[in-house]
């Protein structure tokens, strides 16, 4: 199992993309949460409200490709996290 993390400009966009990847069975579950981000963009420090999403998947390559295809940002973060351990029951559930 892998966790893919990405941020989106708002909840509506995040939910639209989450529904798409869930319907295509590219992930089994998503967690959507509000965040405040600070970053440097084009030489300026920016501060914005965003939405963070954790995608839980066993198809990380296909999922990352789809997120990149659908993402509205010019340079989105698409970060793959490899958990050291996951409970057996959850891993069994993820075998869809």
PDB file of N, CA and C in Angstrom:
ATOM      1  N   UNK A   1       0.831  -1.177   0.000  1.00  0.00           N
ATOM      2  CA  UNK A   1       0.000   0.000   0.000  1.00  0.00           C
ATOM      3  C   UNK A   1       0.879   1.245   0.000  1.00  0.00           C
ATOM      4  N   UNK A   2       0.387   2.284  -0.661  1.00  0.00           N
ATOM      5  CA  UNK A   2       1.059   3.572  -0.699  1.00  0.00           C
ATOM      6  C   UNK A   2       0.063   4.670  -0.347  1.00  0.00           C
ATOM      7  N   UNK A   3       0.580   5.777   0.129  1.00  0.00           N
ATOM      8  CA  UNK A   3      -0.221   6.971   0.351  1.00  0.00           C
ATOM      9  C   UNK A   3       0.332   8.043  -0.578  1.00  0.00           C
ATOM     10  N   UNK A   4      -0.554   8.647  -1.343  1.00  0.00           N
ATOM     11  CA  UNK A   4      -0.176   9.753  -2.212  1.00  0.00           C
ATOM     12  C   UNK A   4      -0.770  11.016  -1.598  1.00  0.00           C
ATOM     13  N   UNK A   5       0.069  12.030  -1.435  1.00  0.00           N
ATOM     14  CA  UNK A   5      -0.362  13.307  -0.861  1.00  0.00           C
ATOM     15  C   UNK A   5      -0.314  14.374  -1.938  1.00  0.00           C
ATOM     16  N   UNK A   6      -1.354  15.189  -1.993  1.00  0.00           N
ATOM     17  CA  UNK A   6      -1.373  16.329  -2.906  1.00  0.00           C
ATOM     18  C   UNK A   6      -2.222  17.435  -2.295  1.00  0.00           C
ATOM     19  N   UNK A   7      -2.045  18.652  -2.794  1.00  0.00           N
ATOM     20  CA  UNK A   7      -2.851  19.788  -2.344  1.00  0.00           C
ATOM     21  C   UNK A   7      -3.625  20.345  -3.533  1.00  0.00           C
ATOM     22  N   UNK A   8      -4.775  20.954  -3.219  1.00  0.00           N
ATOM     23  CA  UNK A   8      -5.655  21.495  -4.246  1.00  0.00           C
ATOM     24  C   UNK A   8      -6.132  22.870  -3.821  1.00  0.00           C
ATOM     25  N   UNK A   9      -6.555  23.714  -4.774  1.00  0.00           N
ATOM     26  CA  UNK A   9      -6.934  25.081  -4.430  1.00  0.00           C
ATOM     27  C   UNK A   9      -8.211  25.202  -3.609  1.00  0.00           C
ATOM     28  N   UNK A  10      -9.110  24.227  -3.708  1.00  0.00           N
ATOM     29  CA  UNK A  10     -10.340  24.282  -2.921  1.00  0.00           C
ATOM     30  C   UNK A  10     -10.988  22.899  -2.824  1.00  0.00           C
ATOM     31  N   UNK A  11     -11.987  22.805  -1.963  1.00  0.00           N
ATOM     32  CA  UNK A  11     -12.636  21.520  -1.690  1.00  0.00           C
ATOM     33  C   UNK A  11     -13.393  20.979  -2.902  1.00  0.00           C
ATOM     34  N   UNK A  12     -14.026  21.848  -3.668  1.00  0.00           N
ATOM     35  CA  UNK A  12     -14.783  21.386  -4.833  1.00  0.00           C
ATOM     36  C   UNK A  12     -13.879  20.682  -5.848  1.00  0.00           C
ATOM     37  N   UNK A  13     -12.742  21.282  -6.137  1.00  0.00           N
ATOM     38  CA  UNK A  13     -11.801  20.670  -7.087  1.00  0.00           C
ATOM     39  C   UNK A  13     -11.252  19.373  -6.519  1.00  0.00           C
ATOM     40  N   UNK A  14     -10.886  19.392  -5.245  1.00  0.00           N
ATOM     41  CA  UNK A  14     -10.360  18.175  -4.616  1.00  0.00           C
ATOM     42  C   UNK A  14     -11.384  17.050  -4.676  1.00  0.00           C
ATOM     43  N   UNK A  15     -12.632  17.340  -4.344  1.00  0.00           N
ATOM     44  CA  UNK A  15     -13.671  16.306  -4.350  1.00  0.00           C
ATOM     45  C   UNK A  15     -13.935  15.781  -5.769  1.00  0.00           C
ATOM     46  N   UNK A  16     -13.906  16.669  -6.757  1.00  0.00           N
ATOM     47  CA  UNK A  16     -14.113  16.237  -8.145  1.00  0.00           C
ATOM     48  C   UNK A  16     -13.030  15.241  -8.564  1.00  0.00           C
ATOM     49  N   UNK A  17     -11.785  15.564  -8.252  1.00  0.00           N
ATOM     50  CA  UNK A  17     -10.678  14.684  -8.616  1.00  0.00           C
ATOM     51  C   UNK A  17     -10.728  13.392  -7.800  1.00  0.00           C
ATOM     52  N   UNK A  18     -11.062  13.498  -6.518  1.00  0.00           N
ATOM     53  CA  UNK A  18     -11.166  12.301  -5.671  1.00  0.00           C
ATOM     54  C   UNK A  18     -12.249  11.356  -6.195  1.00  0.00           C
ATOM     55  N   UNK A  19     -13.399  11.889  -6.558  1.00  0.00           N
ATOM     56  CA  UNK A  19     -14.476  11.046  -7.096  1.00  0.00           C
ATOM     57  C   UNK A  19     -14.041  10.355  -8.378  1.00  0.00           C
ATOM     58  N   UNK A  20     -13.304  11.060  -9.218  1.00  0.00           N
ATOM     59  CA  UNK A  20     -12.826  10.478 -10.482  1.00  0.00           C
ATOM     60  C   UNK A  20     -11.885   9.305 -10.220  1.00  0.00           C
ATOM     61  N   UNK A  21     -10.891   9.494  -9.364  1.00  0.00           N
ATOM     62  CA  UNK A  21      -9.921   8.415  -9.141  1.00  0.00           C
ATOM     63  C   UNK A  21     -10.538   7.255  -8.357  1.00  0.00           C
ATOM     64  N   UNK A  22     -11.500   7.564  -7.469  1.00  0.00           N
ATOM     65  CA  UNK A  22     -12.206   6.489  -6.771  1.00  0.00           C
ATOM     66  C   UNK A  22     -13.051   5.680  -7.761  1.00  0.00           C
ATOM     67  N   UNK A  23     -13.745   6.370  -8.662  1.00  0.00           N
ATOM     68  CA  UNK A  23     -14.599   5.665  -9.632  1.00  0.00           C
ATOM     69  C   UNK A  23     -13.781   4.812 -10.593  1.00  0.00           C
ATOM     70  N   UNK A  24     -12.536   5.223 -10.845  1.00  0.00           N
ATOM     71  CA  UNK A  24     -11.643   4.448 -11.716  1.00  0.00           C
ATOM     72  C   UNK A  24     -10.863   3.388 -10.927  1.00  0.00           C
ATOM     73  N   UNK A  25     -11.172   3.261  -9.635  1.00  0.00           N
ATOM     74  CA  UNK A  25     -10.533   2.289  -8.744  1.00  0.00           C
ATOM     75  C   UNK A  25      -9.006   2.441  -8.694  1.00  0.00           C
ATOM     76  N   UNK A  26      -8.556   3.703  -8.738  1.00  0.00           N
ATOM     77  CA  UNK A  26      -7.133   3.983  -8.620  1.00  0.00           C
ATOM     78  C   UNK A  26      -6.714   4.162  -7.167  1.00  0.00           C
ATOM     79  N   UNK A  27      -7.703   4.284  -6.285  1.00  0.00           N
ATOM     80  CA  UNK A  27      -7.435   4.317  -4.848  1.00  0.00           C
ATOM     81  C   UNK A  27      -8.662   3.769  -4.134  1.00  0.00           C
ATOM     82  N   UNK A  28      -8.459   3.377  -2.895  1.00  0.00           N
ATOM     83  CA  UNK A  28      -9.553   2.799  -2.128  1.00  0.00           C
ATOM     84  C   UNK A  28     -10.207   3.776  -1.173  1.00  0.00           C
ATOM     85  N   UNK A  29      -9.490   4.844  -0.829  1.00  0.00           N
ATOM     86  CA  UNK A  29      -9.976   5.778   0.176  1.00  0.00           C
ATOM     87  C   UNK A  29      -9.221   7.087   0.033  1.00  0.00           C
ATOM     88  N   UNK A  30      -9.883   8.199   0.359  1.00  0.00           N
ATOM     89  CA  UNK A  30      -9.210   9.498   0.401  1.00  0.00           C
ATOM     90  C   UNK A  30      -9.572  10.202   1.704  1.00  0.00           C
ATOM     91  N   UNK A  31      -8.671  11.020   2.180  1.00  0.00           N
ATOM     92  CA  UNK A  31      -8.933  11.900   3.321  1.00  0.00           C
ATOM     93  C   UNK A  31      -8.697  13.323   2.843  1.00  0.00           C
ATOM     94  N   UNK A  32      -9.706  14.177   3.020  1.00  0.00           N
ATOM     95  CA  UNK A  32      -9.654  15.563   2.569  1.00  0.00           C
ATOM     96  C   UNK A  32      -9.669  16.459   3.808  1.00  0.00           C
ATOM     97  N   UNK A  33      -8.742  17.417   3.861  1.00  0.00           N
ATOM     98  CA  UNK A  33      -8.670  18.276   5.044  1.00  0.00           C
ATOM     99  C   UNK A  33      -8.198  19.681   4.665  1.00  0.00           C
ATOM    100  N   UNK A  34      -8.706  20.711   5.350  1.00  0.00           N
ATOM    101  CA  UNK A  34      -8.289  22.087   5.072  1.00  0.00           C
ATOM    102  C   UNK A  34      -6.885  22.332   5.618  1.00  0.00           C
ATOM    103  N   UNK A  35      -6.108  23.115   4.875  1.00  0.00           N
ATOM    104  CA  UNK A  35      -4.760  23.482   5.318  1.00  0.00           C
ATOM    105  C   UNK A  35      -4.491  24.937   4.952  1.00  0.00           C
ATOM    106  N   UNK A  36      -3.521  25.518   5.586  1.00  0.00           N
ATOM    107  CA  UNK A  36      -3.010  26.830   5.205  1.00  0.00           C
ATOM    108  C   UNK A  36      -1.577  26.625   4.766  1.00  0.00           C
ATOM    109  N   UNK A  37      -1.257  27.079   3.580  1.00  0.00           N
ATOM    110  CA  UNK A  37       0.072  26.870   3.017  1.00  0.00           C
ATOM    111  C   UNK A  37       0.821  28.181   2.844  1.00  0.00           C
ATOM    112  N   UNK A  38       2.118  28.124   3.063  1.00  0.00           N
ATOM    113  CA  UNK A  38       3.015  29.231   2.759  1.00  0.00           C
ATOM    114  C   UNK A  38       4.103  28.674   1.863  1.00  0.00           C
ATOM    115  N   UNK A  39       4.426  29.409   0.796  1.00  0.00           N
ATOM    116  CA  UNK A  39       5.400  28.932  -0.176  1.00  0.00           C
ATOM    117  C   UNK A  39       5.919  30.106  -0.999  1.00  0.00           C
ATOM    118  N   UNK A  40       7.030  29.879  -1.674  1.00  0.00           N
ATOM    119  CA  UNK A  40       7.583  30.890  -2.563  1.00  0.00           C
ATOM    120  C   UNK A  40       7.131  30.556  -3.980  1.00  0.00           C
ATOM    121  N   UNK A  41       6.500  31.526  -4.640  1.00  0.00           N
ATOM    122  CA  UNK A  41       6.043  31.329  -6.015  1.00  0.00           C
ATOM    123  C   UNK A  41       6.404  32.569  -6.821  1.00  0.00           C
ATOM    124  N   UNK A  42       7.222  32.360  -7.841  1.00  0.00           N
ATOM    125  CA  UNK A  42       7.662  33.439  -8.730  1.00  0.00           C
ATOM    126  C   UNK A  42       8.276  34.594  -7.945  1.00  0.00           C
ATOM    127  N   UNK A  43       9.110  34.218  -6.958  1.00  0.00           N
ATOM    128  CA  UNK A  43       9.872  35.199  -6.197  1.00  0.00           C
ATOM    129  C   UNK A  43       9.154  35.858  -5.037  1.00  0.00           C
ATOM    130  N   UNK A  44       7.892  35.493  -4.811  1.00  0.00           N
ATOM    131  CA  UNK A  44       7.127  36.099  -3.723  1.00  0.00           C
ATOM    132  C   UNK A  44       6.682  35.038  -2.728  1.00  0.00           C
ATOM    133  N   UNK A  45       6.642  35.417  -1.454  1.00  0.00           N
ATOM    134  CA  UNK A  45       6.097  34.510  -0.449  1.00  0.00           C
ATOM    135  C   UNK A  45       4.579  34.598  -0.519  1.00  0.00           C
ATOM    136  N   UNK A  46       3.965  33.469  -0.715  1.00  0.00           N
ATOM    137  CA  UNK A  46       2.503  33.376  -0.817  1.00  0.00           C
ATOM    138  C   UNK A  46       1.941  32.701   0.420  1.00  0.00           C
ATOM    139  N   UNK A  47       0.727  33.038   0.766  1.00  0.00           N
ATOM    140  CA  UNK A  47       0.011  32.426   1.877  1.00  0.00           C
ATOM    141  C   UNK A  47      -1.400  32.157   1.371  1.00  0.00           C
ATOM    142  N   UNK A  48      -1.816  30.886   1.366  1.00  0.00           N
ATOM    143  CA  UNK A  48      -3.148  30.596   0.834  1.00  0.00           C
ATOM    144  C   UNK A  48      -3.813  29.451   1.578  1.00  0.00           C
ATOM    145  N   UNK A  49      -5.112  29.449   1.523  1.00  0.00           N
ATOM    146  CA  UNK A  49      -5.891  28.336   2.052  1.00  0.00           C
ATOM    147  C   UNK A  49      -5.983  27.315   0.930  1.00  0.00           C
ATOM    148  N   UNK A  50      -5.728  26.054   1.255  1.00  0.00           N
ATOM    149  CA  UNK A  50      -5.796  24.974   0.285  1.00  0.00           C
ATOM    150  C   UNK A  50      -6.513  23.795   0.931  1.00  0.00           C
ATOM    151  N   UNK A  51      -6.586  22.731   0.183  1.00  0.00           N
ATOM    152  CA  UNK A  51      -7.140  21.477   0.671  1.00  0.00           C
ATOM    153  C   UNK A  51      -6.085  20.404   0.440  1.00  0.00           C
ATOM    154  N   UNK A  52      -5.748  19.677   1.505  1.00  0.00           N
ATOM    155  CA  UNK A  52      -4.816  18.563   1.386  1.00  0.00           C
ATOM    156  C   UNK A  52      -5.595  17.272   1.217  1.00  0.00           C
ATOM    157  N   UNK A  53      -5.035  16.357   0.436  1.00  0.00           N
ATOM    158  CA  UNK A  53      -5.684  15.059   0.233  1.00  0.00           C
ATOM    159  C   UNK A  53      -4.657  13.950   0.398  1.00  0.00           C
ATOM    160  N   UNK A  54      -5.040  12.932   1.183  1.00  0.00           N
ATOM    161  CA  UNK A  54      -4.277  11.691   1.274  1.00  0.00           C
ATOM    162  C   UNK A  54      -5.059  10.633   0.502  1.00  0.00           C
ATOM    163  N   UNK A  55      -4.444  10.082  -0.523  1.00  0.00           N
ATOM    164  CA  UNK A  55      -5.031   9.012  -1.320  1.00  0.00           C
ATOM    165  C   UNK A  55      -4.383   7.705  -0.875  1.00  0.00           C
ATOM    166  N   UNK A  56      -5.163   6.703  -0.484  1.00  0.00           N
ATOM    167  CA  UNK A  56      -4.623   5.403  -0.092  1.00  0.00           C
ATOM    168  C   UNK A  56      -4.820   4.455  -1.265  1.00  0.00           C
ATOM    169  N   UNK A  57      -3.718   3.846  -1.711  1.00  0.00           N
ATOM    170  CA  UNK A  57      -3.766   3.104  -2.966  1.00  0.00           C
ATOM    171  C   UNK A  57      -2.816   1.924  -3.001  1.00  0.00           C
ATOM    172  N   UNK A  58      -3.081   1.018  -3.914  1.00  0.00           N
ATOM    173  CA  UNK A  58      -2.113  -0.020  -4.259  1.00  0.00           C
ATOM    174  C   UNK A  58      -1.753   0.100  -5.742  1.00  0.00           C
ATOM    175  N   UNK A  59      -2.113   1.234  -6.345  1.00  0.00           N
ATOM    176  CA  UNK A  59      -1.828   1.509  -7.755  1.00  0.00           C
ATOM    177  C   UNK A  59      -1.196   2.900  -7.871  1.00  0.00           C
ATOM    178  N   UNK A  60      -0.083   3.115  -7.199  1.00  0.00           N
ATOM    179  CA  UNK A  60       0.467   4.461  -7.079  1.00  0.00           C
ATOM    180  C   UNK A  60       0.900   5.060  -8.417  1.00  0.00           C
ATOM    181  N   UNK A  61       1.473   4.269  -9.301  1.00  0.00           N
ATOM    182  CA  UNK A  61       1.926   4.805 -10.590  1.00  0.00           C
ATOM    183  C   UNK A  61       0.780   5.358 -11.415  1.00  0.00           C
ATOM    184  N   UNK A  62      -0.279   4.589 -11.555  1.00  0.00           N
ATOM    185  CA  UNK A  62      -1.449   5.025 -12.327  1.00  0.00           C
ATOM    186  C   UNK A  62      -2.143   6.200 -11.652  1.00  0.00           C
ATOM    187  N   UNK A  63      -2.218   6.168 -10.323  1.00  0.00           N
ATOM    188  CA  UNK A  63      -2.871   7.243  -9.582  1.00  0.00           C
ATOM    189  C   UNK A  63      -2.111   8.551  -9.744  1.00  0.00           C
ATOM    190  N   UNK A  64      -0.793   8.531  -9.594  1.00  0.00           N
ATOM    191  CA  UNK A  64       0.002   9.751  -9.725  1.00  0.00           C
ATOM    192  C   UNK A  64      -0.155  10.340 -11.128  1.00  0.00           C
ATOM    193  N   UNK A  65      -0.168   9.491 -12.133  1.00  0.00           N
ATOM    194  CA  UNK A  65      -0.349   9.955 -13.512  1.00  0.00           C
ATOM    195  C   UNK A  65      -1.710  10.631 -13.682  1.00  0.00           C
ATOM    196  N   UNK A  66      -2.763  10.046 -13.132  1.00  0.00           N
ATOM    197  CA  UNK A  66      -4.111  10.604 -13.252  1.00  0.00           C
ATOM    198  C   UNK A  66      -4.229  11.922 -12.492  1.00  0.00           C
ATOM    199  N   UNK A  67      -3.656  11.994 -11.276  1.00  0.00           N
ATOM    200  CA  UNK A  67      -3.700  13.247 -10.519  1.00  0.00           C
ATOM    201  C   UNK A  67      -3.023  14.356 -11.315  1.00  0.00           C
ATOM    202  N   UNK A  68      -1.856  14.066 -11.869  1.00  0.00           N
ATOM    203  CA  UNK A  68      -1.124  15.070 -12.652  1.00  0.00           C
ATOM    204  C   UNK A  68      -1.955  15.524 -13.853  1.00  0.00           C
ATOM    205  N   UNK A  69      -2.625  14.589 -14.501  1.00  0.00           N
ATOM    206  CA  UNK A  69      -3.461  14.898 -15.667  1.00  0.00           C
ATOM    207  C   UNK A  69      -4.625  15.826 -15.301  1.00  0.00           C
ATOM    208  N   UNK A  70      -5.233  15.617 -14.137  1.00  0.00           N
ATOM    209  CA  UNK A  70      -6.425  16.358 -13.735  1.00  0.00           C
ATOM    210  C   UNK A  70      -6.134  17.621 -12.916  1.00  0.00           C
ATOM    211  N   UNK A  71      -4.931  17.734 -12.393  1.00  0.00           N
ATOM    212  CA  UNK A  71      -4.599  18.784 -11.432  1.00  0.00           C
ATOM    213  C   UNK A  71      -4.579  20.170 -12.074  1.00  0.00           C
ATOM    214  N   UNK A  72      -5.166  21.177 -11.397  1.00  0.00           N
ATOM    215  CA  UNK A  72      -5.192  22.526 -11.969  1.00  0.00           C
ATOM    216  C   UNK A  72      -3.899  23.325 -11.783  1.00  0.00           C
ATOM    217  N   UNK A  73      -3.022  22.901 -10.863  1.00  0.00           N
ATOM    218  CA  UNK A  73      -1.804  23.670 -10.613  1.00  0.00           C
ATOM    219  C   UNK A  73      -0.776  23.449 -11.724  1.00  0.00           C
ATOM    220  N   UNK A  74       0.005  24.484 -11.977  1.00  0.00           N
ATOM    221  CA  UNK A  74       1.100  24.397 -12.943  1.00  0.00           C
ATOM    222  C   UNK A  74       2.142  23.377 -12.472  1.00  0.00           C
ATOM    223  N   UNK A  75       2.448  23.414 -11.179  1.00  0.00           N
ATOM    224  CA  UNK A  75       3.415  22.475 -10.596  1.00  0.00           C
ATOM    225  C   UNK A  75       2.805  21.908  -9.306  1.00  0.00           C
ATOM    226  N   UNK A  76       2.017  20.847  -9.409  1.00  0.00           N
ATOM    227  CA  UNK A  76       1.408  20.273  -8.200  1.00  0.00           C
ATOM    228  C   UNK A  76       2.394  19.406  -7.426  1.00  0.00           C
ATOM    229  N   UNK A  77       2.182  19.307  -6.122  1.00  0.00           N
ATOM    230  CA  UNK A  77       2.914  18.316  -5.344  1.00  0.00           C
ATOM    231  C   UNK A  77       2.148  16.998  -5.457  1.00  0.00           C
ATOM    232  N   UNK A  78       2.862  15.955  -5.808  1.00  0.00           N
ATOM    233  CA  UNK A  78       2.299  14.602  -5.839  1.00  0.00           C
ATOM    234  C   UNK A  78       3.355  13.725  -5.164  1.00  0.00           C
ATOM    235  N   UNK A  79       3.169  13.541  -3.874  1.00  0.00           N
ATOM    236  CA  UNK A  79       4.176  12.914  -3.021  1.00  0.00           C
ATOM    237  C   UNK A  79       3.751  11.501  -2.651  1.00  0.00           C
ATOM    238  N   UNK A  80       4.621  10.538  -2.901  1.00  0.00           N
ATOM    239  CA  UNK A  80       4.329   9.147  -2.546  1.00  0.00           C
ATOM    240  C   UNK A  80       4.969   8.807  -1.213  1.00  0.00           C
ATOM    241  N   UNK A  81       4.162   8.295  -0.304  1.00  0.00           N
ATOM    242  CA  UNK A  81       4.628   7.897   1.023  1.00  0.00           C
ATOM    243  C   UNK A  81       4.493   6.381   1.113  1.00  0.00           C
ATOM    244  N   UNK A  82       5.555   5.736   1.554  1.00  0.00           N
ATOM    245  CA  UNK A  82       5.559   4.279   1.672  1.00  0.00           C
ATOM    246  C   UNK A  82       5.538   3.899   3.153  1.00  0.00           C
ATOM    247  N   UNK A  83       4.359   3.586   3.675  1.00  0.00           N
ATOM    248  CA  UNK A  83       4.277   3.222   5.092  1.00  0.00           C
ATOM    249  C   UNK A  83       5.104   1.972   5.395  1.00  0.00           C
ATOM    250  N   UNK A  84       5.741   1.974   6.554  1.00  0.00           N
ATOM    251  CA  UNK A  84       6.515   0.806   6.955  1.00  0.00           C
ATOM    252  C   UNK A  84       5.629  -0.348   7.367  1.00  0.00           C
ATOM    253  N   UNK A  85       4.464  -0.029   7.904  1.00  0.00           N
ATOM    254  CA  UNK A  85       3.560  -1.108   8.289  1.00  0.00           C
ATOM    255  C   UNK A  85       2.118  -0.615   8.206  1.00  0.00           C
ATOM    256  N   UNK A  86       1.247  -1.540   7.848  1.00  0.00           N
ATOM    257  CA  UNK A  86      -0.195  -1.284   7.758  1.00  0.00           C
ATOM    258  C   UNK A  86      -0.875  -2.532   8.299  1.00  0.00           C
ATOM    259  N   UNK A  87      -1.951  -2.350   9.048  1.00  0.00           N
ATOM    260  CA  UNK A  87      -2.605  -3.525   9.602  1.00  0.00           C
ATOM    261  C   UNK A  87      -3.115  -4.455   8.492  1.00  0.00           C
ATOM    262  N   UNK A  88      -3.017  -5.740   8.752  1.00  0.00           N
ATOM    263  CA  UNK A  88      -3.327  -6.791   7.787  1.00  0.00           C
ATOM    264  C   UNK A  88      -4.748  -6.669   7.220  1.00  0.00           C
ATOM    265  N   UNK A  89      -5.699  -6.364   8.076  1.00  0.00           N
ATOM    266  CA  UNK A  89      -7.100  -6.267   7.643  1.00  0.00           C
ATOM    267  C   UNK A  89      -7.292  -5.150   6.607  1.00  0.00           C
ATOM    268  N   UNK A  90      -6.616  -4.034   6.841  1.00  0.00           N
ATOM    269  CA  UNK A  90      -6.731  -2.920   5.893  1.00  0.00           C
ATOM    270  C   UNK A  90      -6.097  -3.289   4.563  1.00  0.00           C
ATOM    271  N   UNK A  91      -4.951  -3.952   4.611  1.00  0.00           N
ATOM    272  CA  UNK A  91      -4.302  -4.380   3.371  1.00  0.00           C
ATOM    273  C   UNK A  91      -5.188  -5.341   2.589  1.00  0.00           C
ATOM    274  N   UNK A  92      -5.857  -6.232   3.282  1.00  0.00           N
ATOM    275  CA  UNK A  92      -6.784  -7.161   2.624  1.00  0.00           C
ATOM    276  C   UNK A  92      -7.916  -6.398   1.953  1.00  0.00           C
ATOM    277  N   UNK A  93      -8.454  -5.396   2.633  1.00  0.00           N
ATOM    278  CA  UNK A  93      -9.525  -4.599   2.079  1.00  0.00           C
ATOM    279  C   UNK A  93      -9.080  -3.857   0.812  1.00  0.00           C
ATOM    280  N   UNK A  94      -7.795  -3.441   0.792  1.00  0.00           N
ATOM    281  CA  UNK A  94      -7.265  -2.693  -0.348  1.00  0.00           C
ATOM    282  C   UNK A  94      -7.039  -3.562  -1.585  1.00  0.00           C
ATOM    283  N   UNK A  95      -7.231  -4.847  -1.510  1.00  0.00           N
ATOM    284  CA  UNK A  95      -7.012  -5.739  -2.666  1.00  0.00           C
ATOM    285  C   UNK A  95      -8.237  -5.797  -3.562  1.00  0.00           C
ATOM    286  N   UNK A  96      -8.672  -4.684  -4.080  1.00  0.00           N
ATOM    287  CA  UNK A  96      -9.802  -4.648  -4.978  1.00  0.00           C
ATOM    288  C   UNK A  96      -9.267  -4.613  -6.335  1.00  0.00           C
TER     289      UNK A  96
END
